[in-house]
Amino acid sequence: MENIIAIDLGGTVVKVGLLRNGEIIECIHLNSRLSIGFVSNLPRIKEAIDSILARQHIEPAQLDGIGLAFPGLVDPNKGKVISTNEKYDDACEYDLNAWIEQNWNVPFCIDNDARLAVLGEWQQGAARGKRNVVMMTIGTGIGTGVIIDGNVLYGQHYQAGSLGGHFVIDYKGRSCTCGNKGCVEAMASSFFLPVIIREHPQLSDSFKQLADKMNFKEIFGLAATGDKDALLLRNECMDIWSAAIVTYIHAYDPEIVVLGGGIMNSADVIIPYIKERVARYAWCPSSEVQIITAQLSENAALHGLCYCLNQKKKLL
């Protein structure tokens, strides 16, 4: 049997899971505590790992590895975080390889969370059997991962394919945390949602007063009842996601685009809307690009870590 621990360090939730032969056996959800930094979160993660191992009667020597999905730029060869964007900024200076060795002494892998999500969907989910795939994960931020000709896209600095949330769709738009203006993430992500609502010139004052309490689940729910403010905001965000996907299609030429993240609970609204926009605006003279929902839901990155650890084992 193969046992691995997979950690998905999200901006809202940290998932710590045990996967056995590719199946999730147990998963603990912790509230992300971005304000205390990366290193201060590690004791909570260690406690979660050790508690899972104890409940499942697994000794560290029986583990095949531990993997970490990180929301930033990562050098997977060195097992090091390269750069962050206002999420766990102290991770760049921390020696994760040493932490894993001191506590469990097992193989370790780390990669960008959105890249791992596309790996999971490519290996076990909606994109299985495809050779050219883009996945867009819509959550606290917006991340992307890309498979081209059956290979994971990395690039010279390990950032190729993973910065889709920072493609510019309005060069005069809102300032993003990355330092650019008009990024997809700055214009239509959960992190920016309160400021998007407060700054919107067409939303009512009563709606703006609820800005700090709003999330996409609330907005899609209100839009379904016919609320004019929610409908306007919902459709504008879907327009932005659609524009981003058209750009991904032009940049990477995929056969399939997979959409993931908790927001895809509203896939019955999102998928038809985006399909119509992409059909109208993407330059695809040879064949239509499929737009589909992720199958592995919010666990895609955990499954992607299985693939990465297995690839690492082949090299050892």
C-alpha atoms as a PDB file:
ATOM      1  CA  MET A   1       0.000   0.000   0.000  1.00  0.00           C
ATOM      2  CA  GLU A   2       1.097   3.542  -0.721  1.00  0.00           C
ATOM      3  CA  ASN A   3       0.444   6.138   1.996  1.00  0.00           C
ATOM      4  CA  ILE A   4       1.169   9.822   1.511  1.00  0.00           C
ATOM      5  CA  ILE A   5       0.317  12.981   3.423  1.00  0.00           C
ATOM      6  CA  ALA A   6      -0.841  15.832   1.180  1.00  0.00           C
ATOM      7  CA  ILE A   7      -1.155  19.412   2.435  1.00  0.00           C
ATOM      8  CA  ASP A   8      -3.006  22.122   0.509  1.00  0.00           C
ATOM      9  CA  LEU A   9      -2.127  25.500   2.016  1.00  0.00           C
ATOM     10  CA  GLY A  10      -5.072  27.601   0.870  1.00  0.00           C
ATOM     11  CA  GLY A  11      -5.838  31.228   1.553  1.00  0.00           C
ATOM     12  CA  THR A  12      -9.054  30.316   3.389  1.00  0.00           C
ATOM     13  CA  VAL A  13      -8.635  26.663   4.402  1.00  0.00           C
ATOM     14  CA  VAL A  14      -5.613  24.431   4.963  1.00  0.00           C
ATOM     15  CA  LYS A  15      -6.319  20.800   4.038  1.00  0.00           C
ATOM     16  CA  VAL A  16      -4.197  18.006   5.481  1.00  0.00           C
ATOM     17  CA  GLY A  17      -5.064  14.634   3.992  1.00  0.00           C
ATOM     18  CA  LEU A  18      -3.929  11.033   4.032  1.00  0.00           C
ATOM     19  CA  LEU A  19      -4.122   9.378   0.618  1.00  0.00           C
ATOM     20  CA  ARG A  20      -3.778   5.621   0.251  1.00  0.00           C
ATOM     21  CA  ASN A  21      -3.225   4.310  -3.269  1.00  0.00           C
ATOM     22  CA  GLY A  22      -4.588   7.591  -4.617  1.00  0.00           C
ATOM     23  CA  GLU A  23      -7.755   7.652  -2.488  1.00  0.00           C
ATOM     24  CA  ILE A  24      -8.380  10.165   0.299  1.00  0.00           C
ATOM     25  CA  ILE A  25      -8.733   8.183   3.524  1.00  0.00           C
ATOM     26  CA  GLU A  26      -8.938  11.098   5.947  1.00  0.00           C
ATOM     27  CA  CYS A  27      -8.739  14.869   5.604  1.00  0.00           C
ATOM     28  CA  ILE A  28      -8.540  17.590   8.253  1.00  0.00           C
ATOM     29  CA  HIS A  29      -9.609  21.154   7.459  1.00  0.00           C
ATOM     30  CA  LEU A  30      -7.957  23.994   9.362  1.00  0.00           C
ATOM     31  CA  ASN A  31      -8.833  27.661   9.128  1.00  0.00           C
ATOM     32  CA  SER A  32      -6.050  29.515   7.346  1.00  0.00           C
ATOM     33  CA  ARG A  33      -4.358  31.976   9.647  1.00  0.00           C
ATOM     34  CA  LEU A  34      -2.600  34.185   7.138  1.00  0.00           C
ATOM     35  CA  SER A  35      -2.016  36.915   9.708  1.00  0.00           C
ATOM     36  CA  ILE A  36       0.379  34.795  11.793  1.00  0.00           C
ATOM     37  CA  GLY A  37       2.525  33.811   8.812  1.00  0.00           C
ATOM     38  CA  PHE A  38       3.748  30.531   7.421  1.00  0.00           C
ATOM     39  CA  VAL A  39       6.176  29.365  10.090  1.00  0.00           C
ATOM     40  CA  SER A  40       3.696  29.981  12.911  1.00  0.00           C
ATOM     41  CA  ASN A  41       1.173  27.747  11.116  1.00  0.00           C
ATOM     42  CA  LEU A  42       3.543  24.782  10.913  1.00  0.00           C
ATOM     43  CA  PRO A  43       2.910  23.482  14.481  1.00  0.00           C
ATOM     44  CA  ARG A  44      -0.827  23.237  13.667  1.00  0.00           C
ATOM     45  CA  ILE A  45      -0.049  21.365  10.451  1.00  0.00           C
ATOM     46  CA  LYS A  46       2.350  19.024  12.251  1.00  0.00           C
ATOM     47  CA  GLU A  47      -0.296  18.302  14.890  1.00  0.00           C
ATOM     48  CA  ALA A  48      -2.820  17.479  12.153  1.00  0.00           C
ATOM     49  CA  ILE A  49      -0.380  15.154  10.379  1.00  0.00           C
ATOM     50  CA  ASP A  50       0.578  13.344  13.577  1.00  0.00           C
ATOM     51  CA  SER A  51      -3.051  12.946  14.641  1.00  0.00           C
ATOM     52  CA  ILE A  52      -3.974  11.393  11.277  1.00  0.00           C
ATOM     53  CA  LEU A  53      -1.046   8.994  11.443  1.00  0.00           C
ATOM     54  CA  ALA A  54      -1.972   7.986  14.996  1.00  0.00           C
ATOM     55  CA  ARG A  55      -5.636   7.368  14.132  1.00  0.00           C
ATOM     56  CA  GLN A  56      -4.716   5.356  11.054  1.00  0.00           C
ATOM     57  CA  HIS A  57      -2.006   3.404  12.922  1.00  0.00           C
ATOM     58  CA  ILE A  58       0.703   4.482  10.492  1.00  0.00           C
ATOM     59  CA  GLU A  59       4.316   4.935  11.565  1.00  0.00           C
ATOM     60  CA  PRO A  60       6.381   7.627   9.775  1.00  0.00           C
ATOM     61  CA  ALA A  61       8.521   4.825   8.313  1.00  0.00           C
ATOM     62  CA  GLN A  62       5.384   3.546   6.568  1.00  0.00           C
ATOM     63  CA  LEU A  63       4.828   6.855   4.787  1.00  0.00           C
ATOM     64  CA  ASP A  64       5.849   7.125   1.134  1.00  0.00           C
ATOM     65  CA  GLY A  65       6.155  10.880   1.332  1.00  0.00           C
ATOM     66  CA  ILE A  66       4.702  14.257   2.268  1.00  0.00           C
ATOM     67  CA  GLY A  67       3.676  16.884  -0.275  1.00  0.00           C
ATOM     68  CA  LEU A  68       2.733  20.552   0.026  1.00  0.00           C
ATOM     69  CA  ALA A  69       0.636  22.644  -2.360  1.00  0.00           C
ATOM     70  CA  PHE A  70       1.681  26.277  -1.879  1.00  0.00           C
ATOM     71  CA  PRO A  71      -0.098  29.449  -3.116  1.00  0.00           C
ATOM     72  CA  GLY A  72       2.959  31.092  -4.650  1.00  0.00           C
ATOM     73  CA  LEU A  73       5.932  30.515  -6.928  1.00  0.00           C
ATOM     74  CA  VAL A  74       7.889  27.387  -6.062  1.00  0.00           C
ATOM     75  CA  ASP A  75      11.116  25.725  -7.161  1.00  0.00           C
ATOM     76  CA  PRO A  76      10.046  22.059  -6.981  1.00  0.00           C
ATOM     77  CA  ASN A  77      13.579  20.798  -7.648  1.00  0.00           C
ATOM     78  CA  LYS A  78      14.998  22.527  -4.574  1.00  0.00           C
ATOM     79  CA  GLY A  79      11.800  22.137  -2.534  1.00  0.00           C
ATOM     80  CA  LYS A  80      11.743  25.870  -1.884  1.00  0.00           C
ATOM     81  CA  VAL A  81       9.237  28.727  -2.059  1.00  0.00           C
ATOM     82  CA  ILE A  82      10.573  31.407  -4.427  1.00  0.00           C
ATOM     83  CA  SER A  83       8.032  34.195  -4.131  1.00  0.00           C
ATOM     84  CA  THR A  84       4.704  34.950  -2.482  1.00  0.00           C
ATOM     85  CA  ASN A  85       1.965  37.514  -2.936  1.00  0.00           C
ATOM     86  CA  GLU A  86       0.708  38.607   0.486  1.00  0.00           C
ATOM     87  CA  LYS A  87       0.134  34.976   1.500  1.00  0.00           C
ATOM     88  CA  TYR A  88       2.557  33.302   3.932  1.00  0.00           C
ATOM     89  CA  ASP A  89       5.322  35.728   2.967  1.00  0.00           C
ATOM     90  CA  ASP A  90       7.841  34.280   5.457  1.00  0.00           C
ATOM     91  CA  ALA A  91       7.860  30.926   3.628  1.00  0.00           C
ATOM     92  CA  CYS A  92      10.650  32.001   1.271  1.00  0.00           C
ATOM     93  CA  GLU A  93      13.216  31.991   4.055  1.00  0.00           C
ATOM     94  CA  TYR A  94      12.185  28.698   5.635  1.00  0.00           C
ATOM     95  CA  ASP A  95      13.914  25.338   5.049  1.00  0.00           C
ATOM     96  CA  LEU A  96      10.975  22.998   4.509  1.00  0.00           C
ATOM     97  CA  ASN A  97      13.208  20.090   3.550  1.00  0.00           C
ATOM     98  CA  ALA A  98      14.831  20.239   6.992  1.00  0.00           C
ATOM     99  CA  TRP A  99      11.423  20.481   8.722  1.00  0.00           C
ATOM    100  CA  ILE A 100      10.184  17.348   6.968  1.00  0.00           C
ATOM    101  CA  GLU A 101      13.418  15.471   7.656  1.00  0.00           C
ATOM    102  CA  GLN A 102      13.489  16.394  11.350  1.00  0.00           C
ATOM    103  CA  ASN A 103       9.878  15.400  11.964  1.00  0.00           C
ATOM    104  CA  TRP A 104       9.198  12.424   9.651  1.00  0.00           C
ATOM    105  CA  ASN A 105      12.311  11.764   7.525  1.00  0.00           C
ATOM    106  CA  VAL A 106      10.375  10.887   4.359  1.00  0.00           C
ATOM    107  CA  PRO A 107      10.527  12.104   0.731  1.00  0.00           C
ATOM    108  CA  PHE A 108       9.114  15.608   0.278  1.00  0.00           C
ATOM    109  CA  CYS A 109       7.716  17.520  -2.680  1.00  0.00           C
ATOM    110  CA  ILE A 110       6.279  21.012  -3.031  1.00  0.00           C
ATOM    111  CA  ASP A 111       4.752  22.862  -5.968  1.00  0.00           C
ATOM    112  CA  ASN A 112       2.373  25.675  -6.812  1.00  0.00           C
ATOM    113  CA  ASP A 113      -1.175  24.829  -5.706  1.00  0.00           C
ATOM    114  CA  ALA A 114      -2.897  25.596  -9.018  1.00  0.00           C
ATOM    115  CA  ARG A 115      -0.301  23.609 -10.967  1.00  0.00           C
ATOM    116  CA  LEU A 116      -0.929  20.665  -8.640  1.00  0.00           C
ATOM    117  CA  ALA A 117      -4.670  21.055  -9.175  1.00  0.00           C
ATOM    118  CA  VAL A 118      -4.308  20.641 -12.934  1.00  0.00           C
ATOM    119  CA  LEU A 119      -2.041  17.644 -12.331  1.00  0.00           C
ATOM    120  CA  GLY A 120      -4.746  16.058 -10.197  1.00  0.00           C
ATOM    121  CA  GLU A 121      -7.464  16.626 -12.792  1.00  0.00           C
ATOM    122  CA  TRP A 122      -5.146  15.464 -15.578  1.00  0.00           C
ATOM    123  CA  GLN A 123      -4.266  12.225 -13.820  1.00  0.00           C
ATOM    124  CA  GLN A 124      -7.513  11.307 -12.083  1.00  0.00           C
ATOM    125  CA  GLY A 125     -10.224  13.805 -12.940  1.00  0.00           C
ATOM    126  CA  ALA A 126     -11.932  15.727 -15.702  1.00  0.00           C
ATOM    127  CA  ALA A 127      -8.872  16.026 -17.961  1.00  0.00           C
ATOM    128  CA  ARG A 128      -7.787  12.385 -17.834  1.00  0.00           C
ATOM    129  CA  GLY A 129      -6.449  11.227 -21.198  1.00  0.00           C
ATOM    130  CA  LYS A 130      -6.003  14.762 -22.565  1.00  0.00           C
ATOM    131  CA  ARG A 131      -2.621  16.117 -23.696  1.00  0.00           C
ATOM    132  CA  ASN A 132      -3.302  19.862 -23.687  1.00  0.00           C
ATOM    133  CA  VAL A 133      -5.093  21.235 -20.648  1.00  0.00           C
ATOM    134  CA  VAL A 134      -5.614  24.533 -18.839  1.00  0.00           C
ATOM    135  CA  MET A 135      -7.171  24.610 -15.391  1.00  0.00           C
ATOM    136  CA  MET A 136      -8.435  27.798 -13.780  1.00  0.00           C
ATOM    137  CA  THR A 137      -9.061  27.670 -10.033  1.00  0.00           C
ATOM    138  CA  ILE A 138     -11.312  30.453  -8.756  1.00  0.00           C
ATOM    139  CA  GLY A 139     -11.070  30.984  -5.014  1.00  0.00           C
ATOM    140  CA  THR A 140      -9.501  33.455  -2.615  1.00  0.00           C
ATOM    141  CA  GLY A 141      -7.266  34.258  -5.560  1.00  0.00           C
ATOM    142  CA  ILE A 142      -7.232  32.956  -9.114  1.00  0.00           C
ATOM    143  CA  GLY A 143      -4.663  30.376 -10.147  1.00  0.00           C
ATOM    144  CA  THR A 144      -3.915  28.400 -13.274  1.00  0.00           C
ATOM    145  CA  GLY A 145      -2.011  25.301 -14.295  1.00  0.00           C
ATOM    146  CA  VAL A 146      -1.141  24.130 -17.793  1.00  0.00           C
ATOM    147  CA  ILE A 147      -0.332  20.831 -19.507  1.00  0.00           C
ATOM    148  CA  ILE A 148       1.117  21.129 -23.023  1.00  0.00           C
ATOM    149  CA  ASP A 149       1.747  18.073 -25.214  1.00  0.00           C
ATOM    150  CA  GLY A 150       1.495  15.811 -22.180  1.00  0.00           C
ATOM    151  CA  ASN A 151       4.026  17.777 -20.123  1.00  0.00           C
ATOM    152  CA  VAL A 152       3.554  20.058 -17.139  1.00  0.00           C
ATOM    153  CA  LEU A 153       4.451  23.641 -18.020  1.00  0.00           C
ATOM    154  CA  TYR A 154       7.156  25.195 -15.795  1.00  0.00           C
ATOM    155  CA  GLY A 155       9.321  27.625 -17.765  1.00  0.00           C
ATOM    156  CA  GLN A 156      12.697  29.121 -16.944  1.00  0.00           C
ATOM    157  CA  HIS A 157      11.678  30.418 -13.504  1.00  0.00           C
ATOM    158  CA  TYR A 158       8.982  27.856 -12.580  1.00  0.00           C
ATOM    159  CA  GLN A 159       6.192  30.384 -13.168  1.00  0.00           C
ATOM    160  CA  ALA A 160       4.951  29.464 -16.634  1.00  0.00           C
ATOM    161  CA  GLY A 161       1.274  28.603 -16.625  1.00  0.00           C
ATOM    162  CA  SER A 162       0.731  29.455 -12.964  1.00  0.00           C
ATOM    163  CA  LEU A 163       0.197  33.223 -13.217  1.00  0.00           C
ATOM    164  CA  GLY A 164      -3.139  33.249 -15.028  1.00  0.00           C
ATOM    165  CA  GLY A 165      -4.649  35.251 -12.185  1.00  0.00           C
ATOM    166  CA  HIS A 166      -2.227  38.031 -13.057  1.00  0.00           C
ATOM    167  CA  PHE A 167      -2.927  38.287 -16.757  1.00  0.00           C
ATOM    168  CA  VAL A 168      -3.991  41.877 -17.368  1.00  0.00           C
ATOM    169  CA  ILE A 169      -7.491  42.355 -18.725  1.00  0.00           C
ATOM    170  CA  ASP A 170      -7.746  46.114 -18.017  1.00  0.00           C
ATOM    171  CA  TYR A 171      -4.467  48.036 -17.966  1.00  0.00           C
ATOM    172  CA  LYS A 172      -6.259  50.998 -16.346  1.00  0.00           C
ATOM    173  CA  GLY A 173      -7.974  48.796 -13.804  1.00  0.00           C
ATOM    174  CA  ARG A 174      -7.657  48.195 -10.072  1.00  0.00           C
ATOM    175  CA  SER A 175      -4.211  47.837  -8.504  1.00  0.00           C
ATOM    176  CA  CYS A 176      -3.391  44.226  -7.684  1.00  0.00           C
ATOM    177  CA  THR A 177      -1.378  42.890  -4.765  1.00  0.00           C
ATOM    178  CA  CYS A 178       1.262  41.790  -7.293  1.00  0.00           C
ATOM    179  CA  GLY A 179       1.973  45.436  -8.169  1.00  0.00           C
ATOM    180  CA  ASN A 180       0.288  45.385 -11.587  1.00  0.00           C
ATOM    181  CA  LYS A 181      -3.021  46.940 -12.608  1.00  0.00           C
ATOM    182  CA  GLY A 182      -6.149  45.266 -13.934  1.00  0.00           C
ATOM    183  CA  CYS A 183      -5.185  41.656 -13.210  1.00  0.00           C
ATOM    184  CA  VAL A 184      -7.926  39.022 -13.411  1.00  0.00           C
ATOM    185  CA  GLU A 185      -7.511  38.444  -9.675  1.00  0.00           C
ATOM    186  CA  ALA A 186      -7.861  42.142  -8.839  1.00  0.00           C
ATOM    187  CA  MET A 187     -11.010  42.438 -10.935  1.00  0.00           C
ATOM    188  CA  ALA A 188     -12.922  39.267  -9.952  1.00  0.00           C
ATOM    189  CA  SER A 189     -11.670  37.203  -7.006  1.00  0.00           C
ATOM    190  CA  SER A 190     -12.912  36.568  -3.470  1.00  0.00           C
ATOM    191  CA  PHE A 191      -9.942  38.402  -1.966  1.00  0.00           C
ATOM    192  CA  PHE A 192     -10.876  41.618  -3.778  1.00  0.00           C
ATOM    193  CA  LEU A 193     -14.649  41.196  -3.595  1.00  0.00           C
ATOM    194  CA  PRO A 194     -15.311  43.735  -0.799  1.00  0.00           C
ATOM    195  CA  VAL A 195     -13.382  46.491  -2.578  1.00  0.00           C
ATOM    196  CA  ILE A 196     -14.932  45.521  -5.931  1.00  0.00           C
ATOM    197  CA  ILE A 197     -18.381  46.054  -4.397  1.00  0.00           C
ATOM    198  CA  ARG A 198     -17.514  49.306  -2.603  1.00  0.00           C
ATOM    199  CA  GLU A 199     -15.892  50.845  -5.688  1.00  0.00           C
ATOM    200  CA  HIS A 200     -18.536  49.786  -8.208  1.00  0.00           C
ATOM    201  CA  PRO A 201     -20.280  52.907  -9.573  1.00  0.00           C
ATOM    202  CA  GLN A 202     -23.546  51.153 -10.484  1.00  0.00           C
ATOM    203  CA  LEU A 203     -24.268  49.212  -7.300  1.00  0.00           C
ATOM    204  CA  SER A 204     -26.758  50.586  -4.786  1.00  0.00           C
ATOM    205  CA  ASP A 205     -25.628  52.120  -1.503  1.00  0.00           C
ATOM    206  CA  SER A 206     -27.566  49.489   0.442  1.00  0.00           C
ATOM    207  CA  PHE A 207     -25.684  46.699  -1.372  1.00  0.00           C
ATOM    208  CA  LYS A 208     -22.346  48.404  -0.806  1.00  0.00           C
ATOM    209  CA  GLN A 209     -23.012  48.495   2.939  1.00  0.00           C
ATOM    210  CA  LEU A 210     -22.922  44.679   2.883  1.00  0.00           C
ATOM    211  CA  ALA A 211     -19.565  44.528   1.086  1.00  0.00           C
ATOM    212  CA  ASP A 212     -17.581  42.985   3.943  1.00  0.00           C
ATOM    213  CA  LYS A 213     -20.202  40.260   4.463  1.00  0.00           C
ATOM    214  CA  MET A 214     -20.531  39.282   0.824  1.00  0.00           C
ATOM    215  CA  ASN A 215     -18.991  36.248  -0.858  1.00  0.00           C
ATOM    216  CA  PHE A 216     -19.637  34.631  -4.225  1.00  0.00           C
ATOM    217  CA  LYS A 217     -22.025  32.085  -2.731  1.00  0.00           C
ATOM    218  CA  GLU A 218     -24.185  34.952  -1.424  1.00  0.00           C
ATOM    219  CA  ILE A 219     -23.972  36.847  -4.701  1.00  0.00           C
ATOM    220  CA  PHE A 220     -24.952  33.867  -6.851  1.00  0.00           C
ATOM    221  CA  GLY A 221     -27.769  33.086  -4.442  1.00  0.00           C
ATOM    222  CA  LEU A 222     -29.126  36.652  -4.545  1.00  0.00           C
ATOM    223  CA  ALA A 223     -28.751  36.770  -8.327  1.00  0.00           C
ATOM    224  CA  ALA A 224     -30.896  33.649  -8.594  1.00  0.00           C
ATOM    225  CA  THR A 225     -33.711  35.560  -6.845  1.00  0.00           C
ATOM    226  CA  GLY A 226     -33.458  38.401  -9.367  1.00  0.00           C
ATOM    227  CA  ASP A 227     -31.573  40.900  -7.176  1.00  0.00           C
ATOM    228  CA  LYS A 228     -30.395  43.568  -9.638  1.00  0.00           C
ATOM    229  CA  ASP A 229     -27.159  44.417  -7.817  1.00  0.00           C
ATOM    230  CA  ALA A 230     -26.139  40.774  -7.463  1.00  0.00           C
ATOM    231  CA  LEU A 231     -27.010  40.033 -11.093  1.00  0.00           C
ATOM    232  CA  LEU A 232     -24.893  42.933 -12.320  1.00  0.00           C
ATOM    233  CA  LEU A 233     -21.910  41.951 -10.183  1.00  0.00           C
ATOM    234  CA  ARG A 234     -22.222  38.219 -10.922  1.00  0.00           C
ATOM    235  CA  ASN A 235     -22.340  38.747 -14.678  1.00  0.00           C
ATOM    236  CA  GLU A 236     -19.442  41.191 -14.677  1.00  0.00           C
ATOM    237  CA  CYS A 237     -17.290  38.689 -12.793  1.00  0.00           C
ATOM    238  CA  MET A 238     -18.239  35.953 -15.248  1.00  0.00           C
ATOM    239  CA  ASP A 239     -17.355  38.316 -18.106  1.00  0.00           C
ATOM    240  CA  ILE A 240     -13.906  38.790 -16.548  1.00  0.00           C
ATOM    241  CA  TRP A 241     -13.373  35.043 -16.061  1.00  0.00           C
ATOM    242  CA  SER A 242     -14.485  34.493 -19.659  1.00  0.00           C
ATOM    243  CA  ALA A 243     -12.040  37.117 -20.947  1.00  0.00           C
ATOM    244  CA  ALA A 244      -9.256  35.428 -18.997  1.00  0.00           C
ATOM    245  CA  ILE A 245     -10.152  32.020 -20.444  1.00  0.00           C
ATOM    246  CA  VAL A 246     -10.144  33.409 -23.982  1.00  0.00           C
ATOM    247  CA  THR A 247      -6.624  34.692 -23.287  1.00  0.00           C
ATOM    248  CA  TYR A 248      -5.535  31.302 -21.902  1.00  0.00           C
ATOM    249  CA  ILE A 249      -6.895  29.623 -25.020  1.00  0.00           C
ATOM    250  CA  HIS A 250      -4.968  32.012 -27.253  1.00  0.00           C
ATOM    251  CA  ALA A 251      -1.790  31.583 -25.178  1.00  0.00           C
ATOM    252  CA  TYR A 252      -1.750  27.810 -24.597  1.00  0.00           C
ATOM    253  CA  ASP A 253      -4.008  26.266 -27.284  1.00  0.00           C
ATOM    254  CA  PRO A 254      -5.634  23.651 -25.017  1.00  0.00           C
ATOM    255  CA  GLU A 255      -8.201  21.044 -26.019  1.00  0.00           C
ATOM    256  CA  ILE A 256      -9.954  21.464 -22.680  1.00  0.00           C
ATOM    257  CA  VAL A 257     -10.302  24.128 -19.969  1.00  0.00           C
ATOM    258  CA  VAL A 258     -11.178  22.858 -16.494  1.00  0.00           C
ATOM    259  CA  LEU A 259     -12.781  25.214 -13.970  1.00  0.00           C
ATOM    260  CA  GLY A 260     -12.306  24.485 -10.272  1.00  0.00           C
ATOM    261  CA  GLY A 261     -12.781  25.997  -6.839  1.00  0.00           C
ATOM    262  CA  GLY A 262     -15.710  26.202  -4.447  1.00  0.00           C
ATOM    263  CA  ILE A 263     -17.487  28.659  -6.716  1.00  0.00           C
ATOM    264  CA  MET A 264     -18.181  25.805  -9.128  1.00  0.00           C
ATOM    265  CA  ASN A 265     -21.078  24.830  -6.885  1.00  0.00           C
ATOM    266  CA  SER A 266     -22.767  27.300  -9.247  1.00  0.00           C
ATOM    267  CA  ALA A 267     -21.504  25.467 -12.350  1.00  0.00           C
ATOM    268  CA  ASP A 268     -25.036  25.303 -13.774  1.00  0.00           C
ATOM    269  CA  VAL A 269     -24.851  29.075 -14.217  1.00  0.00           C
ATOM    270  CA  ILE A 270     -21.126  29.574 -14.807  1.00  0.00           C
ATOM    271  CA  ILE A 271     -20.383  26.923 -17.430  1.00  0.00           C
ATOM    272  CA  PRO A 272     -23.113  27.867 -19.977  1.00  0.00           C
ATOM    273  CA  TYR A 273     -22.337  31.566 -19.555  1.00  0.00           C
ATOM    274  CA  ILE A 274     -18.601  31.116 -20.118  1.00  0.00           C
ATOM    275  CA  LYS A 275     -19.126  28.680 -22.989  1.00  0.00           C
ATOM    276  CA  GLU A 276     -21.220  31.270 -24.826  1.00  0.00           C
ATOM    277  CA  ARG A 277     -18.615  34.010 -24.289  1.00  0.00           C
ATOM    278  CA  VAL A 278     -15.711  31.779 -25.312  1.00  0.00           C
ATOM    279  CA  ALA A 279     -17.555  30.591 -28.438  1.00  0.00           C
ATOM    280  CA  ARG A 280     -18.132  34.218 -29.354  1.00  0.00           C
ATOM    281  CA  TYR A 281     -14.647  35.636 -28.693  1.00  0.00           C
ATOM    282  CA  ALA A 282     -11.982  32.900 -28.809  1.00  0.00           C
ATOM    283  CA  TRP A 283     -10.158  32.417 -32.098  1.00  0.00           C
ATOM    284  CA  CYS A 284     -10.501  28.639 -32.544  1.00  0.00           C
ATOM    285  CA  PRO A 285     -10.796  27.885 -36.264  1.00  0.00           C
ATOM    286  CA  SER A 286      -9.900  24.172 -35.963  1.00  0.00           C
ATOM    287  CA  SER A 287     -12.162  22.955 -33.176  1.00  0.00           C
ATOM    288  CA  GLU A 288     -14.104  24.186 -30.174  1.00  0.00           C
ATOM    289  CA  VAL A 289     -12.345  24.101 -26.808  1.00  0.00           C
ATOM    290  CA  GLN A 290     -14.266  22.186 -24.144  1.00  0.00           C
ATOM    291  CA  ILE A 291     -15.123  24.117 -20.957  1.00  0.00           C
ATOM    292  CA  ILE A 292     -15.892  21.742 -18.089  1.00  0.00           C
ATOM    293  CA  THR A 293     -16.115  21.551 -14.311  1.00  0.00           C
ATOM    294  CA  ALA A 294     -13.394  19.897 -12.251  1.00  0.00           C
ATOM    295  CA  GLN A 295     -14.293  16.402 -11.049  1.00  0.00           C
ATOM    296  CA  LEU A 296     -12.090  16.342  -7.970  1.00  0.00           C
ATOM    297  CA  SER A 297     -13.675  19.464  -6.530  1.00  0.00           C
ATOM    298  CA  GLU A 298     -11.441  21.190  -3.963  1.00  0.00           C
ATOM    299  CA  ASN A 299      -9.229  18.116  -3.540  1.00  0.00           C
ATOM    300  CA  ALA A 300      -7.513  18.269  -6.944  1.00  0.00           C
ATOM    301  CA  ALA A 301      -4.205  19.540  -5.534  1.00  0.00           C
ATOM    302  CA  LEU A 302      -4.099  16.689  -3.008  1.00  0.00           C
ATOM    303  CA  HIS A 303      -4.337  14.192  -5.865  1.00  0.00           C
ATOM    304  CA  GLY A 304      -1.739  16.179  -7.823  1.00  0.00           C
ATOM    305  CA  LEU A 305       0.697  15.690  -4.953  1.00  0.00           C
ATOM    306  CA  CYS A 306       0.302  11.911  -5.315  1.00  0.00           C
ATOM    307  CA  TYR A 307       1.500  12.211  -8.905  1.00  0.00           C
ATOM    308  CA  CYS A 308       4.456  14.434  -7.934  1.00  0.00           C
ATOM    309  CA  LEU A 309       5.611  12.109  -5.155  1.00  0.00           C
ATOM    310  CA  ASN A 310       5.352   9.103  -7.464  1.00  0.00           C
ATOM    311  CA  GLN A 311       7.414  10.923 -10.093  1.00  0.00           C
ATOM    312  CA  LYS A 312       9.998  11.779  -7.435  1.00  0.00           C
ATOM    313  CA  LYS A 313      10.182   8.125  -6.310  1.00  0.00           C
ATOM    314  CA  LYS A 314      11.051   7.100  -9.888  1.00  0.00           C
ATOM    315  CA  LEU A 315      14.081   9.409  -9.778  1.00  0.00           C
ATOM    316  CA  LEU A 316      15.392   8.148  -6.431  1.00  0.00           C
END
